[in-house]
């Protein structure tokens, strides 16, 4: 192959990558602008204020005259509680699985656990929701002697299973990227394997583990269908982890198709979608900060 032909192929590849990169940037900007326009209509066209939207629990948007109430704090609290509980459940199992795959039994982790985790990633969210609805919800009701099993606990467990592969994969990569010199120095000082893991590897991998946790939290916030099937979709603050409630994504997915475009109800749902986008940007910003600290170290 001639030098001229190689240069031509290099420039062609660079042009394709550049065009695709620009397309992704434009698509992201377009989606952001669209949500800004649609989401801000609640405050611009219908004269509601941001304080009411974020801190009021009075949610009665009007479909016709546009004189209702758009307090979304119940949905916000529901999203936060379910996502945080899911994180509390999933993180210990994810870190333990990552340690097992990378430090305890690499062969078994590579041949069995890693493929199983990849299989979990490919399962559609509706399957998680259906299993939660038919198996988990009756199980919770029977074990805790409840009249129903819908609620924060059911939603958190379903979400925990869904974010488990994300946190595990990122954590495993972070542990694998710990410098071998750390391990050699630790063993040279007479450390046991557990001392190496707990006092050297995990502290060194903390930035990567935090990145996985943030990615898992972002996934939990954005999940709609599976959670909506098991939380009960009750518009009320949960009194306990067994109480039903609702969240942002469940409300959007349930009612967006049943509202008139441009109505107060429809615009309030778009404002929820805008809030989710802002939360996603916050998570991305946090990941960038954690990644930058990791690079500096």
Foldseek 3Di string as FASTA:
>chain_A
DDPVVVVVVVVVVVVVVVVVVVVVVVVVVVVLVVLCVLQCCLCVVLVDDPCQQQPPLQPDADQPPSPGGRHANQQAVLLVLLLVLLLVVQLVVLLVLLCCCQPVDVPCCVVPVVVVLVVLQPDDLVVLLVCLLPPVFVVCCVVVVHPTQFASQSLSNSLNSNLNSQLNVQLNVLLVPQDVVLVVVCVVVPDDSVCCVPPPRCVLSVLSNVLSSLVSSLVSSQDENSSLSGQQCDSDHAPDRRHHGHHLRPVLVVPCVPGDPPGSVNSSNSSSVSVSVVVNVVSVVVNVVSVVVSVVD
